[in-house]
Protein backbone atom coordinates (compact mmCIF):
# COMPACT_ATOMS: atom_id res chain seq x y z
CA MET A 1 -0.11 -198.59 -89.44
CA SER A 2 -2.24 -196.53 -91.87
CA THR A 3 -2.62 -196.70 -95.39
CA GLY A 4 -0.76 -193.58 -96.03
CA ALA A 5 2.06 -194.46 -93.95
CA THR A 6 2.55 -197.73 -95.38
CA GLN A 7 2.74 -196.32 -98.57
CA ARG A 8 5.08 -193.39 -97.47
CA SER A 9 7.37 -196.28 -95.83
CA TYR A 10 7.54 -198.34 -99.01
CA ALA A 11 8.18 -195.30 -101.20
CA MET A 12 11.34 -194.48 -98.55
CA PHE A 13 12.60 -198.46 -98.30
CA TYR A 14 11.43 -200.10 -101.60
CA PRO A 15 11.14 -197.54 -104.18
CA LEU A 16 10.57 -200.21 -107.27
CA ILE A 17 7.83 -201.79 -105.47
CA ALA A 18 6.30 -198.44 -104.75
CA ALA A 19 6.18 -197.13 -107.96
CA SER A 20 4.75 -199.98 -109.41
CA ALA A 21 1.44 -199.08 -107.50
CA PRO A 22 -0.16 -195.97 -108.73
CA GLY A 23 -3.12 -196.04 -106.31
CA ALA A 24 -2.78 -196.50 -102.41
CA LEU A 25 -1.19 -199.86 -101.17
CA PRO A 26 -3.24 -202.23 -99.22
CA GLU A 27 -1.66 -202.93 -95.80
CA GLY A 28 0.29 -206.19 -95.85
CA LEU A 29 -0.55 -206.99 -99.52
CA LEU A 30 1.39 -206.58 -102.74
CA SER A 31 -0.49 -205.53 -105.76
CA LEU A 32 -0.22 -207.76 -109.35
CA GLY A 33 2.45 -205.24 -110.43
CA GLN A 34 4.02 -205.02 -107.48
CA LEU A 35 4.71 -208.85 -107.33
CA LEU A 36 5.61 -208.93 -111.02
CA ALA A 37 8.09 -206.13 -110.32
CA SER A 38 9.09 -208.29 -107.24
CA LEU A 39 9.55 -211.45 -109.35
CA ILE A 40 11.64 -209.75 -112.13
CA VAL A 41 14.03 -208.41 -109.62
CA ILE A 42 14.37 -211.92 -107.98
CA TYR A 43 15.02 -214.10 -111.36
CA VAL A 44 17.14 -211.38 -112.75
CA ALA A 45 19.37 -211.49 -109.49
CA SER A 46 19.24 -215.15 -109.11
CA LYS A 47 20.26 -215.58 -112.83
CA LEU A 48 22.91 -213.14 -112.30
CA GLY A 49 24.42 -214.43 -109.10
CA GLY A 50 23.90 -218.01 -110.15
CA GLU A 51 25.93 -217.33 -113.38
CA LEU A 52 28.70 -215.30 -112.00
CA ALA A 53 29.29 -217.98 -109.02
CA LEU A 54 29.47 -220.84 -111.81
CA ARG A 55 31.85 -218.91 -114.08
CA LEU A 56 33.97 -218.63 -110.67
CA ARG A 57 33.46 -222.05 -110.05
CA GLN A 58 31.41 -222.06 -106.99
CA PRO A 59 27.89 -223.22 -106.50
CA ALA A 60 25.08 -221.62 -107.96
CA VAL A 61 23.22 -221.28 -104.83
CA LEU A 62 26.20 -219.31 -103.08
CA GLY A 63 25.44 -216.65 -105.64
CA GLU A 64 21.92 -216.95 -105.28
CA LEU A 65 22.22 -215.79 -101.60
CA VAL A 66 25.05 -213.05 -102.44
CA ALA A 67 22.61 -211.78 -105.50
CA GLY A 68 19.62 -211.52 -102.46
CA LEU A 69 21.96 -209.81 -100.14
CA ALA A 70 22.73 -207.21 -102.60
CA VAL A 71 19.01 -206.58 -103.67
CA GLY A 72 17.51 -207.02 -100.05
CA ILE A 73 17.64 -204.98 -96.93
CA SER A 74 21.47 -204.67 -96.70
CA GLY A 75 21.76 -203.35 -100.15
CA LEU A 76 19.56 -201.67 -103.05
CA LYS A 77 16.32 -202.37 -100.84
CA LEU A 78 14.55 -203.67 -104.76
CA ILE A 79 12.28 -206.24 -102.83
CA ASP A 80 10.71 -206.38 -99.57
CA PRO A 81 11.49 -210.23 -98.32
CA THR A 82 8.99 -209.89 -95.29
CA GLN A 83 5.90 -209.62 -97.91
CA PRO A 84 3.54 -212.37 -97.07
CA VAL A 85 3.01 -213.68 -100.88
CA LEU A 86 6.66 -213.93 -101.22
CA LEU A 87 7.21 -215.99 -97.85
CA LEU A 88 4.41 -218.19 -98.95
CA LEU A 89 6.01 -218.48 -102.52
CA ALA A 90 9.29 -219.39 -100.58
CA GLN A 91 7.84 -222.04 -98.43
CA VAL A 92 6.34 -223.81 -101.71
CA GLY A 93 9.83 -223.74 -102.94
CA VAL A 94 11.22 -225.49 -100.05
CA THR A 95 8.62 -227.89 -100.19
CA LEU A 96 9.53 -228.97 -103.82
CA LEU A 97 13.08 -228.83 -102.98
CA LEU A 98 12.87 -231.30 -100.26
CA PHE A 99 10.26 -233.38 -102.50
CA GLU A 100 13.09 -233.25 -105.22
CA ILE A 101 15.84 -234.51 -102.51
CA GLY A 102 13.23 -237.55 -101.63
CA LEU A 103 13.10 -238.21 -105.24
CA GLU A 104 16.69 -238.07 -106.12
CA SER A 105 17.87 -240.41 -103.08
CA ASP A 106 17.79 -244.42 -103.31
CA LEU A 107 15.77 -245.77 -100.57
CA ARG A 108 16.70 -249.57 -101.64
CA GLY A 109 20.63 -247.91 -101.86
CA LEU A 110 20.43 -246.41 -98.37
CA LEU A 111 19.69 -249.87 -96.86
CA LYS A 112 22.56 -251.07 -98.35
CA LEU A 113 25.04 -248.39 -97.13
CA GLY A 114 28.46 -249.49 -95.74
CA PRO A 115 29.04 -249.02 -91.82
CA GLN A 116 31.59 -246.23 -92.93
CA ALA A 117 28.85 -243.75 -94.19
CA VAL A 118 26.63 -244.57 -91.20
CA ALA A 119 29.29 -243.95 -89.04
CA VAL A 120 30.45 -240.52 -91.08
CA ALA A 121 26.56 -239.39 -90.76
CA ALA A 122 26.21 -239.92 -86.91
CA VAL A 123 29.19 -238.38 -86.14
CA GLY A 124 28.69 -235.67 -88.79
CA MET A 125 25.46 -234.67 -87.13
CA ALA A 126 26.38 -235.15 -83.60
CA VAL A 127 29.34 -232.92 -83.17
CA PRO A 128 28.10 -229.99 -85.13
CA PHE A 129 25.04 -230.12 -83.22
CA ALA A 130 26.97 -230.12 -79.71
CA LEU A 131 29.34 -227.32 -80.69
CA GLY A 132 26.39 -224.98 -82.20
CA TYR A 133 24.81 -225.73 -79.19
CA GLY A 134 27.55 -225.00 -76.76
CA VAL A 135 28.44 -221.49 -78.85
CA MET A 136 24.62 -220.69 -78.31
CA LYS A 137 24.82 -221.23 -74.53
CA PHE A 138 28.47 -219.48 -74.33
CA ALA A 139 26.78 -216.56 -75.76
CA GLY A 140 23.86 -216.70 -73.15
CA ALA A 141 20.87 -217.89 -75.48
CA GLY A 142 18.34 -219.61 -74.37
CA GLU A 143 17.65 -223.34 -74.50
CA LEU A 144 15.47 -223.66 -77.56
CA LEU A 145 17.39 -221.00 -79.61
CA ALA A 146 20.61 -223.02 -78.42
CA ILE A 147 18.82 -226.52 -79.87
CA PHE A 148 17.66 -224.60 -83.03
CA VAL A 149 21.04 -223.16 -84.10
CA GLY A 150 22.94 -226.46 -82.88
CA ALA A 151 20.40 -228.70 -85.05
CA SER A 152 20.80 -225.77 -88.34
CA SER A 153 24.70 -226.68 -88.10
CA THR A 154 23.97 -230.67 -88.76
CA ALA A 155 22.95 -230.11 -92.29
CA THR A 156 24.99 -231.06 -95.44
CA SER A 157 24.33 -230.19 -99.23
CA ILE A 158 24.49 -233.28 -101.21
CA GLY A 159 24.25 -231.37 -104.53
CA ILE A 160 27.22 -229.25 -103.62
CA SER A 161 29.49 -232.25 -102.90
CA ALA A 162 28.28 -234.36 -105.64
CA LYS A 163 28.98 -231.57 -108.37
CA VAL A 164 32.76 -231.27 -106.93
CA LEU A 165 32.90 -235.18 -106.90
CA SER A 166 31.74 -235.58 -110.29
CA ASP A 167 34.10 -232.85 -111.42
CA LEU A 168 37.07 -234.13 -110.20
CA GLY A 169 36.07 -237.87 -111.23
CA TYR A 170 35.73 -238.94 -107.54
CA LEU A 171 32.18 -239.93 -107.09
CA LYS A 172 32.94 -243.86 -107.74
CA ARG A 173 35.95 -243.74 -105.42
CA THR A 174 36.00 -244.20 -101.98
CA GLU A 175 35.75 -240.83 -100.52
CA GLY A 176 33.05 -239.94 -102.96
CA GLN A 177 30.73 -242.84 -102.28
CA ILE A 178 31.24 -242.60 -98.39
CA ILE A 179 30.63 -238.76 -98.89
CA LEU A 180 27.64 -239.29 -100.79
CA GLY A 181 26.21 -242.15 -98.50
CA ALA A 182 26.68 -239.94 -95.43
CA ALA A 183 24.99 -236.88 -97.00
CA VAL A 184 21.98 -238.96 -98.03
CA LEU A 185 21.61 -240.20 -94.64
CA ASP A 186 22.18 -236.53 -93.32
CA ASP A 187 19.40 -235.67 -95.30
CA ILE A 188 16.89 -237.74 -93.77
CA LEU A 189 18.00 -237.23 -90.35
CA GLY A 190 18.19 -233.69 -91.09
CA VAL A 191 14.51 -233.57 -91.94
CA ILE A 192 13.69 -235.59 -88.94
CA ILE A 193 15.26 -233.28 -86.56
CA LEU A 194 14.44 -230.23 -88.36
CA SER A 195 10.77 -231.35 -87.82
CA VAL A 196 11.39 -232.29 -84.18
CA VAL A 197 12.75 -228.71 -83.36
CA ALA A 198 10.10 -226.92 -85.53
CA GLY A 199 7.59 -228.93 -83.19
CA ILE A 200 9.19 -228.14 -80.19
CA ALA A 201 9.37 -224.48 -81.08
CA GLN A 202 5.64 -224.39 -82.26
CA GLY A 203 4.73 -226.19 -78.55
CA GLY A 204 7.28 -224.12 -76.65
CA SER A 205 7.86 -227.35 -74.48
CA LEU A 206 11.06 -228.93 -73.71
CA GLU A 207 9.83 -231.35 -71.61
CA LEU A 208 11.47 -234.85 -72.12
CA GLY A 209 8.01 -236.64 -72.81
CA GLU A 210 6.84 -233.95 -75.02
CA VAL A 211 10.32 -234.08 -77.24
CA ALA A 212 9.71 -237.97 -77.41
CA ARG A 213 6.37 -237.58 -78.69
CA ILE A 214 7.54 -235.48 -81.44
CA VAL A 215 10.43 -237.55 -82.45
CA PHE A 216 8.21 -240.74 -82.31
CA SER A 217 5.81 -238.94 -84.25
CA SER A 218 8.10 -237.53 -86.88
CA LEU A 219 10.02 -240.91 -87.38
CA GLY A 220 6.47 -242.83 -87.48
CA PHE A 221 5.26 -240.60 -89.95
CA LEU A 222 8.08 -240.84 -92.22
CA VAL A 223 8.08 -244.48 -91.98
CA GLY A 224 4.28 -244.75 -92.28
CA ALA A 225 4.18 -242.73 -95.50
CA ILE A 226 6.64 -244.73 -97.19
CA VAL A 227 4.90 -248.05 -96.13
CA ILE A 228 1.75 -247.11 -97.21
CA GLY A 229 2.70 -245.16 -100.08
CA ASN A 230 4.78 -248.21 -101.26
CA ARG A 231 1.23 -249.89 -101.13
CA PHE A 232 -0.69 -247.45 -102.61
CA MET A 233 1.95 -246.93 -105.71
CA PRO A 234 0.40 -249.45 -108.27
CA VAL A 235 -3.18 -247.59 -107.70
CA PHE A 236 -1.33 -244.39 -108.28
CA LEU A 237 0.55 -245.17 -111.26
CA GLY A 238 -2.51 -247.20 -112.60
CA ILE A 239 -4.26 -243.74 -112.60
CA VAL A 240 -1.63 -241.68 -114.11
CA ARG A 241 -1.77 -244.31 -116.91
CA ARG A 242 -5.24 -244.01 -117.73
CA LEU A 243 -4.98 -240.06 -117.77
CA ARG A 244 -5.11 -238.06 -121.36
CA THR A 245 -4.48 -234.47 -120.43
CA ARG A 246 -1.06 -232.81 -120.59
CA GLY A 247 1.14 -232.93 -117.46
CA GLU A 248 -0.50 -236.16 -116.05
CA LEU A 249 2.59 -237.40 -114.09
CA LEU A 250 3.75 -234.17 -112.87
CA THR A 251 0.19 -233.33 -111.53
CA ALA A 252 -0.60 -236.16 -110.05
CA SER A 253 2.86 -236.56 -108.19
CA LEU A 254 2.52 -232.84 -106.86
CA VAL A 255 -0.98 -233.65 -105.84
CA PHE A 256 0.56 -236.59 -103.70
CA ALA A 257 3.43 -234.72 -102.52
CA PHE A 258 1.22 -231.89 -101.52
CA ALA A 259 -1.06 -234.13 -99.99
CA LEU A 260 1.44 -235.97 -97.78
CA ALA A 261 2.95 -232.35 -96.55
CA TYR A 262 -0.60 -231.18 -95.67
CA LEU A 263 -1.40 -234.66 -93.79
CA ALA A 264 2.21 -234.02 -91.94
CA GLU A 265 1.54 -230.40 -90.76
CA LEU A 266 -2.03 -231.57 -90.02
CA LEU A 267 -0.42 -234.18 -87.58
CA GLY A 268 2.08 -231.63 -85.90
CA SER A 269 4.88 -232.44 -88.11
CA ALA A 270 6.55 -230.43 -90.56
CA ALA A 271 5.52 -230.19 -94.19
CA ILE A 272 8.66 -230.80 -95.63
CA ILE A 273 8.81 -234.11 -94.12
CA GLY A 274 5.88 -235.39 -96.20
CA ALA A 275 7.08 -233.85 -99.15
CA PHE A 276 10.32 -235.88 -98.57
CA ALA A 277 8.49 -239.05 -97.87
CA ALA A 278 6.66 -238.42 -101.30
CA GLY A 279 9.81 -238.21 -103.21
CA LEU A 280 11.35 -241.17 -101.57
CA VAL A 281 8.14 -243.38 -102.36
CA LEU A 282 7.95 -242.25 -106.28
CA ALA A 283 11.75 -242.79 -106.35
CA GLU A 284 11.06 -246.14 -106.13
CA THR A 285 8.75 -246.54 -109.26
CA ASP A 286 9.79 -246.66 -113.09
CA LYS A 287 8.50 -243.17 -113.84
CA ARG A 288 11.33 -241.74 -111.28
CA HIS A 289 13.46 -240.04 -114.14
CA ASP A 290 10.63 -238.82 -116.02
CA LEU A 291 9.27 -237.18 -113.19
CA GLU A 292 12.77 -235.73 -112.19
CA ALA A 293 12.98 -233.99 -115.96
CA GLN A 294 9.50 -232.73 -115.59
CA LEU A 295 9.60 -231.43 -111.78
CA ARG A 296 12.78 -229.26 -112.46
CA PRO A 297 11.41 -226.70 -114.29
CA VAL A 298 8.69 -226.34 -111.40
CA THR A 299 11.30 -226.24 -108.82
CA ASP A 300 13.26 -223.71 -110.87
CA PHE A 301 10.33 -221.17 -110.99
CA PHE A 302 9.79 -221.25 -107.07
CA LEU A 303 13.57 -222.21 -105.57
CA PRO A 304 15.03 -218.37 -106.74
CA ILE A 305 12.18 -216.73 -104.63
CA PHE A 306 13.16 -218.70 -101.67
CA PHE A 307 17.12 -218.25 -102.11
CA ILE A 308 16.73 -214.56 -103.03
CA THR A 309 14.21 -213.55 -100.53
CA VAL A 310 16.66 -215.36 -97.75
CA GLY A 311 19.43 -213.40 -98.79
CA ALA A 312 17.43 -210.49 -99.04
CA GLY A 313 16.26 -210.96 -95.51
CA VAL A 314 19.97 -210.80 -93.96
CA ASN A 315 20.62 -207.95 -92.35
CA LEU A 316 24.25 -207.01 -92.38
CA ALA A 317 24.04 -204.04 -90.37
CA LEU A 318 23.38 -206.10 -87.42
CA LEU A 319 27.02 -207.51 -87.58
CA GLY A 320 28.24 -204.09 -86.58
CA ASN A 321 29.16 -204.93 -83.16
CA GLN A 322 31.77 -207.19 -81.99
CA GLN A 323 29.32 -209.62 -80.44
CA ALA A 324 27.49 -210.36 -83.37
CA LEU A 325 30.43 -210.45 -85.30
CA LEU A 326 31.89 -213.30 -82.94
CA LEU A 327 28.52 -215.07 -82.84
CA ALA A 328 28.58 -215.50 -86.83
CA GLY A 329 32.40 -216.39 -86.79
CA GLY A 330 32.23 -219.01 -83.72
CA LEU A 331 29.14 -220.44 -85.59
CA SER A 332 31.12 -220.74 -89.17
CA VAL A 333 34.47 -222.29 -87.37
CA THR A 334 32.63 -224.58 -85.20
CA ALA A 335 30.64 -225.67 -88.56
CA VAL A 336 33.55 -226.33 -90.55
CA LEU A 337 35.44 -227.86 -87.52
CA GLY A 338 32.48 -230.02 -86.62
CA LYS A 339 32.31 -231.34 -89.99
CA LEU A 340 35.95 -232.11 -91.02
CA VAL A 341 36.28 -234.26 -87.99
CA CYS A 342 33.53 -236.76 -88.89
CA GLY A 343 36.08 -238.04 -91.88
CA TRP A 344 37.82 -240.11 -89.47
CA ALA A 345 34.74 -241.80 -88.16
CA ALA A 346 35.21 -243.77 -91.83
CA PHE A 347 36.96 -246.88 -90.03
CA GLY A 348 38.81 -249.58 -91.92
CA VAL A 349 39.31 -247.76 -95.18
CA LYS A 350 42.57 -246.29 -96.74
CA ALA A 351 41.03 -242.81 -98.02
CA ASN A 352 41.79 -239.59 -97.44
CA LYS A 353 39.66 -238.76 -94.36
CA LEU A 354 40.16 -235.12 -94.31
CA ALA A 355 38.38 -234.72 -97.66
CA ILE A 356 35.68 -237.06 -96.21
CA GLY A 357 34.99 -234.41 -93.80
CA ALA A 358 35.42 -231.55 -96.17
CA GLY A 359 32.88 -233.15 -98.54
CA MET A 360 30.21 -232.75 -95.50
CA VAL A 361 31.03 -229.02 -94.78
CA PRO A 362 28.84 -227.52 -97.38
CA ARG A 363 25.47 -226.65 -95.86
CA GLY A 364 23.92 -225.02 -98.74
CA GLU A 365 20.42 -225.23 -99.71
CA VAL A 366 19.41 -227.73 -96.53
CA GLY A 367 20.95 -225.03 -94.41
CA LEU A 368 18.79 -222.30 -95.40
CA VAL A 369 15.61 -224.70 -94.99
CA PHE A 370 16.67 -224.58 -91.29
CA ALA A 371 17.00 -220.88 -90.99
CA SER A 372 13.75 -220.08 -92.81
CA VAL A 373 11.83 -222.46 -90.60
CA GLY A 374 13.82 -220.87 -87.63
CA LEU A 375 12.67 -217.53 -88.78
CA ALA A 376 9.09 -218.43 -89.64
CA SER A 377 8.64 -219.90 -86.39
CA GLY A 378 10.16 -216.75 -84.42
CA VAL A 379 13.08 -218.99 -82.80
CA LEU A 380 15.54 -217.10 -85.15
CA THR A 381 15.42 -213.31 -85.22
CA GLY A 382 17.66 -210.52 -85.96
CA VAL A 383 21.42 -211.47 -84.74
CA ASN A 384 20.64 -215.01 -84.72
CA HIS A 385 19.09 -215.55 -88.14
CA THR A 386 21.76 -213.54 -89.83
CA ALA A 387 24.74 -215.37 -88.18
CA VAL A 388 22.95 -218.49 -89.09
CA VAL A 389 22.74 -217.61 -92.83
CA ILE A 390 26.29 -216.36 -92.70
CA MET A 391 27.72 -219.54 -91.52
CA VAL A 392 25.48 -221.13 -94.27
CA ILE A 393 27.33 -218.91 -96.81
CA LEU A 394 31.02 -219.25 -95.56
CA THR A 395 30.49 -223.29 -95.47
CA THR A 396 29.12 -223.19 -98.73
CA PHE A 397 31.81 -221.38 -99.98
CA PHE A 398 34.95 -222.84 -98.25
CA GLY A 399 33.54 -226.35 -98.21
CA PRO A 400 33.86 -227.00 -102.11
CA LEU A 401 37.02 -225.24 -102.06
CA LEU A 402 38.91 -227.25 -99.38
CA LEU A 403 37.42 -230.58 -101.00
CA GLY A 404 38.65 -229.46 -104.16
CA LEU A 405 42.04 -228.64 -103.06
CA LEU A 406 42.19 -232.07 -100.85
CA LEU A 407 41.18 -233.94 -103.67
CA ARG A 408 43.69 -232.60 -106.54
CA ARG A 409 46.44 -234.28 -104.86
CA GLU A 410 47.62 -237.89 -106.61
CA PRO A 411 44.01 -239.87 -106.63
CA VAL A 412 44.37 -243.65 -104.99
CA ALA A 413 41.96 -245.85 -106.75
CA LEU A 414 40.14 -247.52 -104.17
CA THR A 415 36.66 -248.58 -104.12
CA ALA A 416 34.30 -248.37 -100.80
CA GLY A 417 34.94 -251.21 -98.68
CA SER A 418 38.49 -251.63 -99.30
CA SER A 419 40.60 -252.03 -96.72
């Protein structure tokens, strides 16, 4: 496309961006003014959507997604979610998100998790995967697409469920402990699954040998990074203590996280598994809480770009035909049912097992990571990508509602492990 045609296209579809560039637009690039205009829209939309959602007692991420829909290709067209610079900034946000999730995970606690949490996590991965895969095969999808959508159905957002449990005073009760334990395991297994399916998408091979290689390389990298990272930590912390410049802990930790993320990509795994491993390693140090506090503003800068661009890239016009609506609806229903049944895997405890399943329903930011990786790899396109994002939105909305409804009944004061 010529430069003139590009400029006319922007003027028609993205008037705010075009207005911020008085000269000719370089093809595929944003000027500084255009980038700043896009960021203004992203941050204003993110704050408005997030604040409105919180006031309606909904997760902020849900409001940010809906705000993205409003300013994107299905709404006001104020930003172009396909711009390379925005996509790169969004991917940095994803990397930081996985680093933060790893940092907030308790590796030692995971090793002590009861069998109930392990069982809930296992069933909560297997059943949604099978149902999502089945829906896509029934719709006539190819093997790779069906596997990717099935994998996208396995995610659980620990942050959303933890907030609901905290609000209701259930974090320390049986249901809360099992949900949180299973959700943390889901995060780890989900990162590995995502790394595997992304590797399959990149190589384009579904042969058993290639799949096994990707599985073992992802697991091997995660375990190896944690073991080597823990041995390296005393040296790392010694270096940090000697630094005198501002932001020494944050900068050194980001270098460590980005280095592991880069190494993961270099070895054929997903960058996010490296960032996640870095978070798990640093979570075992005495700097954990200081780093969490320092990392939060950085994550808050990049994550809205990710959430808003994901919402902005959803084309609701693709849902204008019956087949697309059935696909989005089918994925959403099976995504909810697949998680609800996992509550009954919590054997040997007296607890609200339906509530345990409901706590695993929200896909939230983790589901969006799957969708964005699928889009970037070319596996998810058009209707399929939109259907997955709609599934994430609906489960993020209905999961907390259902969990709150089930737990507002008369509480039973039991601790995890009671029989």
